[in-house]
Amino acid sequence: MKSVVLSAVILAVSGMAFAEPACNVPKEKWMPEAAFKKSAEAQGYKIKTFKVNKGQCYEIYGTDKDGKKVEHWFDPATGVRVTQ
């Protein structure tokens, strides 16, 4: 029984790693990181951490205009938020 529970936990955790969206945009079409950050901040986001996820989307951690914590992904070419 323990092995069944352990297997279920491992599958659930490994599934979380693949929960991020993929953007599939050629890098030559990406907007510069500084331009994206400026655009996101103009939309009311306060960026604590910025990175490119494994799916090649821009990813931010921080707060929105209401002060709520966020983890959002954005298309690197357009800066539009990508939903899951």
N, C-alpha and C. Protein backbone atom coordinates (compact mmCIF):
# COMPACT_ATOMS: atom_id res chain seq x y z
N MET A 1 0.82 -1.20 0.00
CA MET A 1 0.00 0.00 0.00
C MET A 1 0.86 1.26 0.00
N LYS A 2 1.96 1.23 0.76
CA LYS A 2 2.84 2.39 0.81
C LYS A 2 3.42 2.70 -0.56
N SER A 3 3.74 1.66 -1.32
CA SER A 3 4.33 1.89 -2.65
C SER A 3 3.32 2.52 -3.60
N VAL A 4 2.04 2.18 -3.45
CA VAL A 4 1.00 2.77 -4.30
C VAL A 4 0.86 4.26 -3.98
N VAL A 5 0.84 4.59 -2.70
CA VAL A 5 0.74 5.99 -2.29
C VAL A 5 1.97 6.76 -2.74
N LEU A 6 3.14 6.18 -2.55
CA LEU A 6 4.38 6.82 -2.97
C LEU A 6 4.39 7.04 -4.47
N SER A 7 3.95 6.07 -5.24
CA SER A 7 3.88 6.22 -6.70
C SER A 7 2.94 7.34 -7.09
N ALA A 8 1.80 7.44 -6.42
CA ALA A 8 0.84 8.50 -6.71
C ALA A 8 1.42 9.87 -6.41
N VAL A 9 2.14 9.99 -5.32
CA VAL A 9 2.77 11.26 -4.96
C VAL A 9 3.83 11.64 -5.99
N ILE A 10 4.64 10.69 -6.40
CA ILE A 10 5.69 10.96 -7.39
C ILE A 10 5.06 11.40 -8.71
N LEU A 11 4.02 10.75 -9.15
CA LEU A 11 3.35 11.15 -10.38
C LEU A 11 2.75 12.54 -10.27
N ALA A 12 2.15 12.85 -9.14
CA ALA A 12 1.55 14.17 -8.95
C ALA A 12 2.61 15.26 -8.98
N VAL A 13 3.72 15.04 -8.30
CA VAL A 13 4.80 16.02 -8.27
C VAL A 13 5.43 16.18 -9.64
N SER A 14 5.66 15.09 -10.35
CA SER A 14 6.27 15.19 -11.67
C SER A 14 5.31 15.87 -12.64
N GLY A 15 4.03 15.70 -12.47
CA GLY A 15 3.04 16.38 -13.31
C GLY A 15 3.07 17.88 -13.12
N MET A 16 3.37 18.33 -11.90
CA MET A 16 3.45 19.76 -11.63
C MET A 16 4.58 20.41 -12.40
N ALA A 17 5.64 19.69 -12.62
CA ALA A 17 6.78 20.24 -13.34
C ALA A 17 6.44 20.56 -14.79
N PHE A 18 5.44 19.90 -15.33
CA PHE A 18 5.06 20.12 -16.71
C PHE A 18 3.83 21.02 -16.84
N ALA A 19 3.41 21.65 -15.75
CA ALA A 19 2.20 22.47 -15.75
C ALA A 19 2.42 23.83 -16.39
N GLU A 20 3.65 24.24 -16.59
CA GLU A 20 3.91 25.54 -17.18
C GLU A 20 3.61 25.53 -18.67
N PRO A 21 3.13 26.66 -19.21
CA PRO A 21 2.82 26.72 -20.63
C PRO A 21 4.08 26.80 -21.49
N ALA A 22 3.91 26.49 -22.76
CA ALA A 22 4.99 26.60 -23.75
C ALA A 22 4.62 27.69 -24.74
N CYS A 23 5.58 28.51 -25.11
CA CYS A 23 5.29 29.63 -26.02
C CYS A 23 5.72 29.39 -27.46
N ASN A 24 6.78 28.63 -27.69
CA ASN A 24 7.21 28.25 -29.04
C ASN A 24 7.32 29.43 -30.00
N VAL A 25 8.05 30.46 -29.57
CA VAL A 25 8.29 31.64 -30.39
C VAL A 25 9.78 31.70 -30.70
N PRO A 26 10.17 31.86 -31.98
CA PRO A 26 11.60 31.97 -32.28
C PRO A 26 12.23 33.14 -31.53
N LYS A 27 13.41 32.93 -30.99
CA LYS A 27 14.06 33.95 -30.15
C LYS A 27 14.27 35.28 -30.87
N GLU A 28 14.44 35.26 -32.17
CA GLU A 28 14.65 36.52 -32.89
C GLU A 28 13.39 37.40 -32.90
N LYS A 29 12.26 36.84 -32.52
CA LYS A 29 11.01 37.61 -32.47
C LYS A 29 10.67 38.08 -31.05
N TRP A 30 11.47 37.70 -30.07
CA TRP A 30 11.20 38.09 -28.69
C TRP A 30 11.43 39.59 -28.49
N MET A 31 10.58 40.22 -27.68
CA MET A 31 10.84 41.60 -27.30
C MET A 31 11.97 41.59 -26.27
N PRO A 32 12.75 42.64 -26.22
CA PRO A 32 13.83 42.69 -25.23
C PRO A 32 13.28 42.60 -23.81
N GLU A 33 14.04 41.97 -22.95
CA GLU A 33 13.64 41.78 -21.56
C GLU A 33 13.27 43.10 -20.89
N ALA A 34 14.06 44.14 -21.11
CA ALA A 34 13.80 45.44 -20.48
C ALA A 34 12.47 46.03 -20.97
N ALA A 35 12.17 45.87 -22.26
CA ALA A 35 10.91 46.38 -22.81
C ALA A 35 9.73 45.61 -22.22
N PHE A 36 9.89 44.30 -22.07
CA PHE A 36 8.82 43.50 -21.48
C PHE A 36 8.57 43.93 -20.04
N LYS A 37 9.63 44.07 -19.26
CA LYS A 37 9.48 44.46 -17.86
C LYS A 37 8.78 45.81 -17.74
N LYS A 38 9.16 46.75 -18.59
CA LYS A 38 8.53 48.07 -18.57
C LYS A 38 7.04 47.96 -18.89
N SER A 39 6.70 47.13 -19.86
CA SER A 39 5.30 46.91 -20.23
C SER A 39 4.52 46.27 -19.09
N ALA A 40 5.10 45.26 -18.45
CA ALA A 40 4.43 44.58 -17.34
C ALA A 40 4.22 45.54 -16.17
N GLU A 41 5.21 46.36 -15.88
CA GLU A 41 5.08 47.32 -14.80
C GLU A 41 4.02 48.37 -15.13
N ALA A 42 3.89 48.74 -16.39
CA ALA A 42 2.85 49.68 -16.81
C ALA A 42 1.45 49.08 -16.63
N GLN A 43 1.37 47.73 -16.64
CA GLN A 43 0.10 47.05 -16.42
C GLN A 43 -0.19 46.88 -14.93
N GLY A 44 0.72 47.32 -14.07
CA GLY A 44 0.50 47.28 -12.63
C GLY A 44 1.23 46.17 -11.90
N TYR A 45 2.06 45.40 -12.60
CA TYR A 45 2.81 44.33 -11.94
C TYR A 45 4.06 44.90 -11.29
N LYS A 46 4.38 44.42 -10.10
CA LYS A 46 5.66 44.70 -9.46
C LYS A 46 6.42 43.38 -9.53
N ILE A 47 7.49 43.36 -10.29
CA ILE A 47 8.22 42.13 -10.55
C ILE A 47 9.30 41.93 -9.49
N LYS A 48 9.17 40.81 -8.79
CA LYS A 48 10.19 40.43 -7.81
C LYS A 48 11.24 39.56 -8.50
N THR A 49 10.77 38.59 -9.31
CA THR A 49 11.65 37.68 -10.03
C THR A 49 11.18 37.56 -11.47
N PHE A 50 12.12 37.60 -12.39
CA PHE A 50 11.84 37.43 -13.82
C PHE A 50 12.69 36.28 -14.31
N LYS A 51 12.11 35.42 -15.14
CA LYS A 51 12.90 34.35 -15.77
C LYS A 51 12.21 33.88 -17.04
N VAL A 52 12.91 33.05 -17.78
CA VAL A 52 12.35 32.38 -18.94
C VAL A 52 12.12 30.93 -18.52
N ASN A 53 10.88 30.45 -18.63
CA ASN A 53 10.59 29.09 -18.18
C ASN A 53 11.08 28.06 -19.20
N LYS A 54 10.93 26.79 -18.88
CA LYS A 54 11.38 25.72 -19.77
C LYS A 54 10.61 25.71 -21.08
N GLY A 55 9.40 26.26 -21.07
CA GLY A 55 8.58 26.33 -22.28
C GLY A 55 8.84 27.57 -23.11
N GLN A 56 9.91 28.32 -22.75
CA GLN A 56 10.33 29.50 -23.47
C GLN A 56 9.32 30.65 -23.41
N CYS A 57 8.66 30.79 -22.25
CA CYS A 57 7.79 31.94 -21.98
C CYS A 57 8.48 32.82 -20.96
N TYR A 58 8.19 34.12 -21.00
CA TYR A 58 8.63 34.99 -19.92
C TYR A 58 7.77 34.67 -18.70
N GLU A 59 8.40 34.58 -17.54
CA GLU A 59 7.69 34.25 -16.31
C GLU A 59 8.04 35.27 -15.25
N ILE A 60 7.01 35.77 -14.56
CA ILE A 60 7.27 36.71 -13.48
C ILE A 60 6.65 36.21 -12.17
N TYR A 61 7.31 36.56 -11.10
CA TYR A 61 6.80 36.38 -9.74
C TYR A 61 6.79 37.78 -9.14
N GLY A 62 5.73 38.11 -8.45
CA GLY A 62 5.64 39.42 -7.83
C GLY A 62 4.23 39.68 -7.37
N THR A 63 3.78 40.94 -7.56
CA THR A 63 2.43 41.31 -7.16
C THR A 63 1.73 42.03 -8.31
N ASP A 64 0.38 41.95 -8.29
CA ASP A 64 -0.38 42.68 -9.29
C ASP A 64 -0.76 44.05 -8.74
N LYS A 65 -1.59 44.79 -9.47
CA LYS A 65 -1.94 46.15 -9.06
C LYS A 65 -2.73 46.19 -7.76
N ASP A 66 -3.34 45.06 -7.37
CA ASP A 66 -4.09 44.98 -6.12
C ASP A 66 -3.23 44.47 -4.95
N GLY A 67 -1.95 44.22 -5.23
CA GLY A 67 -1.05 43.74 -4.19
C GLY A 67 -1.09 42.24 -3.98
N LYS A 68 -1.82 41.51 -4.83
CA LYS A 68 -1.89 40.05 -4.70
C LYS A 68 -0.65 39.42 -5.33
N LYS A 69 -0.13 38.37 -4.67
CA LYS A 69 1.02 37.66 -5.21
C LYS A 69 0.62 36.95 -6.50
N VAL A 70 1.52 36.99 -7.49
CA VAL A 70 1.25 36.36 -8.78
C VAL A 70 2.44 35.57 -9.27
N GLU A 71 2.14 34.59 -10.08
CA GLU A 71 3.12 33.86 -10.89
C GLU A 71 2.45 33.76 -12.25
N HIS A 72 2.93 34.55 -13.21
CA HIS A 72 2.30 34.60 -14.53
C HIS A 72 3.33 34.35 -15.62
N TRP A 73 2.83 33.83 -16.74
CA TRP A 73 3.65 33.58 -17.92
C TRP A 73 3.16 34.47 -19.05
N PHE A 74 4.09 34.90 -19.89
CA PHE A 74 3.79 35.82 -20.97
C PHE A 74 4.46 35.37 -22.26
N ASP A 75 3.78 35.64 -23.37
CA ASP A 75 4.36 35.37 -24.69
C ASP A 75 5.54 36.34 -24.86
N PRO A 76 6.73 35.83 -25.16
CA PRO A 76 7.90 36.71 -25.23
C PRO A 76 7.92 37.63 -26.44
N ALA A 77 7.10 37.36 -27.44
CA ALA A 77 7.06 38.22 -28.62
C ALA A 77 6.08 39.37 -28.44
N THR A 78 4.95 39.08 -27.81
CA THR A 78 3.89 40.09 -27.70
C THR A 78 3.74 40.68 -26.30
N GLY A 79 4.22 39.96 -25.29
CA GLY A 79 4.05 40.41 -23.92
C GLY A 79 2.65 40.13 -23.36
N VAL A 80 1.84 39.39 -24.12
CA VAL A 80 0.48 39.05 -23.68
C VAL A 80 0.55 37.89 -22.71
N ARG A 81 -0.24 37.97 -21.65
CA ARG A 81 -0.26 36.91 -20.65
C ARG A 81 -0.79 35.61 -21.26
N VAL A 82 -0.09 34.53 -20.96
CA VAL A 82 -0.47 33.19 -21.43
C VAL A 82 -1.23 32.50 -20.31
N THR A 83 -2.41 31.98 -20.61
CA THR A 83 -3.18 31.28 -19.59
C THR A 83 -2.92 29.81 -19.67
N GLN A 84 -3.17 29.11 -18.59
CA GLN A 84 -2.99 27.65 -18.54
C GLN A 84 -4.29 26.97 -18.80
